[in-house]
Amino acid sequence: MAKETLGHDPMKGAAVVFRAKRADRVKIVVWDGTGLVMYWKRLDGSGFKWPPIVAGVMRMNAAQLSALLAGMDWTRMHAPRIQQPKALA
């Protein structure tokens, strides 16, 4: 279903994340090299902070997904600003 509908194949490294309507439950399907693994989690008393849906898909990087699964508001997390090195003369 994920391959046909979303265009992403879990067998090729894409983690497919499904959320419940109440946003308090999440299911993740991922290929571990030997078979499909389904991860399921429910937050008691609150819901996950989900990204916006763009073209029918929510996109997150690994750090954002990790924060989401920890029950954190990943939108408040920002990568540190690193200054570019100056060229030596």
C-alpha atoms as a PDB file:
ATOM      1  CA  MET A   1       0.000   0.000   0.000  1.00  0.00           C
ATOM      2  CA  ALA A   2       2.790   2.450   0.887  1.00  0.00           C
ATOM      3  CA  LYS A   3       4.625   1.743  -2.349  1.00  0.00           C
ATOM      4  CA  GLU A   4       1.526   2.083  -4.531  1.00  0.00           C
ATOM      5  CA  THR A   5      -0.106   5.040  -2.749  1.00  0.00           C
ATOM      6  CA  LEU A   6       2.851   7.072  -1.473  1.00  0.00           C
ATOM      7  CA  GLY A   7       5.539   6.002  -3.904  1.00  0.00           C
ATOM      8  CA  HIS A   8       7.887   4.938  -1.076  1.00  0.00           C
ATOM      9  CA  ASP A   9       9.046   1.344  -0.716  1.00  0.00           C
ATOM     10  CA  PRO A  10       9.661   0.124   2.870  1.00  0.00           C
ATOM     11  CA  MET A  11      11.825  -2.653   1.382  1.00  0.00           C
ATOM     12  CA  LYS A  12      14.313   0.000   0.204  1.00  0.00           C
ATOM     13  CA  GLY A  13      14.907   1.817   3.490  1.00  0.00           C
ATOM     14  CA  ALA A  14      11.875   4.099   3.772  1.00  0.00           C
ATOM     15  CA  ALA A  15      10.195   4.094   7.178  1.00  0.00           C
ATOM     16  CA  VAL A  16       6.454   4.445   6.694  1.00  0.00           C
ATOM     17  CA  VAL A  17       4.686   6.122   9.629  1.00  0.00           C
ATOM     18  CA  PHE A  18       0.939   5.881  10.171  1.00  0.00           C
ATOM     19  CA  ARG A  19      -0.891   8.018  12.733  1.00  0.00           C
ATOM     20  CA  ALA A  20      -4.274   7.633  14.377  1.00  0.00           C
ATOM     21  CA  LYS A  21      -6.980  10.267  13.918  1.00  0.00           C
ATOM     22  CA  ARG A  22      -6.611  11.350  17.561  1.00  0.00           C
ATOM     23  CA  ALA A  23      -2.836  11.775  17.024  1.00  0.00           C
ATOM     24  CA  ASP A  24      -2.080   9.784  20.191  1.00  0.00           C
ATOM     25  CA  ARG A  25      -0.967   6.572  18.451  1.00  0.00           C
ATOM     26  CA  VAL A  26       1.667   5.844  15.833  1.00  0.00           C
ATOM     27  CA  LYS A  27       2.624   2.762  13.793  1.00  0.00           C
ATOM     28  CA  ILE A  28       5.912   2.560  11.907  1.00  0.00           C
ATOM     29  CA  VAL A  29       6.713  -0.074   9.300  1.00  0.00           C
ATOM     30  CA  VAL A  30      10.357  -0.507   8.329  1.00  0.00           C
ATOM     31  CA  TRP A  31      12.475  -3.212   6.672  1.00  0.00           C
ATOM     32  CA  ASP A  32      15.342  -4.405   8.921  1.00  0.00           C
ATOM     33  CA  GLY A  33      17.088  -6.484   6.270  1.00  0.00           C
ATOM     34  CA  THR A  34      15.427  -9.761   7.193  1.00  0.00           C
ATOM     35  CA  GLY A  35      11.765  -8.813   7.387  1.00  0.00           C
ATOM     36  CA  LEU A  36       9.256  -6.056   7.991  1.00  0.00           C
ATOM     37  CA  VAL A  37       9.092  -4.686  11.532  1.00  0.00           C
ATOM     38  CA  MET A  38       6.089  -2.819  12.922  1.00  0.00           C
ATOM     39  CA  TYR A  39       6.659  -0.432  15.804  1.00  0.00           C
ATOM     40  CA  TRP A  40       3.553   0.739  17.695  1.00  0.00           C
ATOM     41  CA  LYS A  41       3.351   3.417  20.381  1.00  0.00           C
ATOM     42  CA  ARG A  42       0.594   5.258  22.232  1.00  0.00           C
ATOM     43  CA  LEU A  43       1.033   8.366  24.394  1.00  0.00           C
ATOM     44  CA  ASP A  44      -1.068   8.477  27.539  1.00  0.00           C
ATOM     45  CA  GLY A  45      -2.745  11.793  28.278  1.00  0.00           C
ATOM     46  CA  SER A  46      -1.405  13.666  25.261  1.00  0.00           C
ATOM     47  CA  GLY A  47      -0.793  13.368  21.550  1.00  0.00           C
ATOM     48  CA  PHE A  48       2.155  13.468  19.216  1.00  0.00           C
ATOM     49  CA  LYS A  49       3.107  16.790  17.590  1.00  0.00           C
ATOM     50  CA  TRP A  50       2.835  16.012  13.868  1.00  0.00           C
ATOM     51  CA  PRO A  51       4.324  17.916  10.901  1.00  0.00           C
ATOM     52  CA  PRO A  52       2.061  19.504   8.304  1.00  0.00           C
ATOM     53  CA  ILE A  53       0.762  17.376   5.444  1.00  0.00           C
ATOM     54  CA  VAL A  54       2.191  18.449   2.082  1.00  0.00           C
ATOM     55  CA  ALA A  55       0.909  16.697  -1.052  1.00  0.00           C
ATOM     56  CA  GLY A  56      -0.581  13.947   1.115  1.00  0.00           C
ATOM     57  CA  VAL A  57       2.715  13.157   2.889  1.00  0.00           C
ATOM     58  CA  MET A  58       4.327  14.230   6.173  1.00  0.00           C
ATOM     59  CA  ARG A  59       8.107  14.409   5.888  1.00  0.00           C
ATOM     60  CA  MET A  60      10.494  14.216   8.851  1.00  0.00           C
ATOM     61  CA  ASN A  61      14.182  13.603   9.273  1.00  0.00           C
ATOM     62  CA  ALA A  62      15.558  11.018  11.727  1.00  0.00           C
ATOM     63  CA  ALA A  63      16.100  13.547  14.549  1.00  0.00           C
ATOM     64  CA  GLN A  64      12.552  14.891  14.239  1.00  0.00           C
ATOM     65  CA  LEU A  65      11.104  11.367  14.255  1.00  0.00           C
ATOM     66  CA  SER A  66      13.154  10.475  17.320  1.00  0.00           C
ATOM     67  CA  ALA A  67      11.859  13.549  19.174  1.00  0.00           C
ATOM     68  CA  LEU A  68       8.289  12.811  18.075  1.00  0.00           C
ATOM     69  CA  LEU A  69       8.500   9.238  19.395  1.00  0.00           C
ATOM     70  CA  ALA A  70       9.870  10.546  22.699  1.00  0.00           C
ATOM     71  CA  GLY A  71       6.705  12.650  23.012  1.00  0.00           C
ATOM     72  CA  MET A  72       8.587  15.915  22.542  1.00  0.00           C
ATOM     73  CA  ASP A  73       7.512  18.927  20.488  1.00  0.00           C
ATOM     74  CA  TRP A  74      10.044  18.541  17.680  1.00  0.00           C
ATOM     75  CA  THR A  75       9.068  21.943  16.219  1.00  0.00           C
ATOM     76  CA  ARG A  76      10.851  23.630  19.142  1.00  0.00           C
ATOM     77  CA  MET A  77      14.112  21.846  18.447  1.00  0.00           C
ATOM     78  CA  HIS A  78      16.586  23.561  16.173  1.00  0.00           C
ATOM     79  CA  ALA A  79      19.978  22.548  14.889  1.00  0.00           C
ATOM     80  CA  PRO A  80      22.823  24.703  16.202  1.00  0.00           C
ATOM     81  CA  ARG A  81      24.089  27.368  13.856  1.00  0.00           C
ATOM     82  CA  ILE A  82      27.618  26.571  12.787  1.00  0.00           C
ATOM     83  CA  GLN A  83      29.686  29.348  11.287  1.00  0.00           C
ATOM     84  CA  GLN A  84      31.365  28.613   7.988  1.00  0.00           C
ATOM     85  CA  PRO A  85      35.162  28.604   8.222  1.00  0.00           C
ATOM     86  CA  LYS A  86      36.906  31.569   6.683  1.00  0.00           C
ATOM     87  CA  ALA A  87      39.257  30.933   3.798  1.00  0.00           C
ATOM     88  CA  LEU A  88      42.927  31.181   4.602  1.00  0.00           C
ATOM     89  CA  ALA A  89      44.840  33.767   2.605  1.00  0.00           C
END
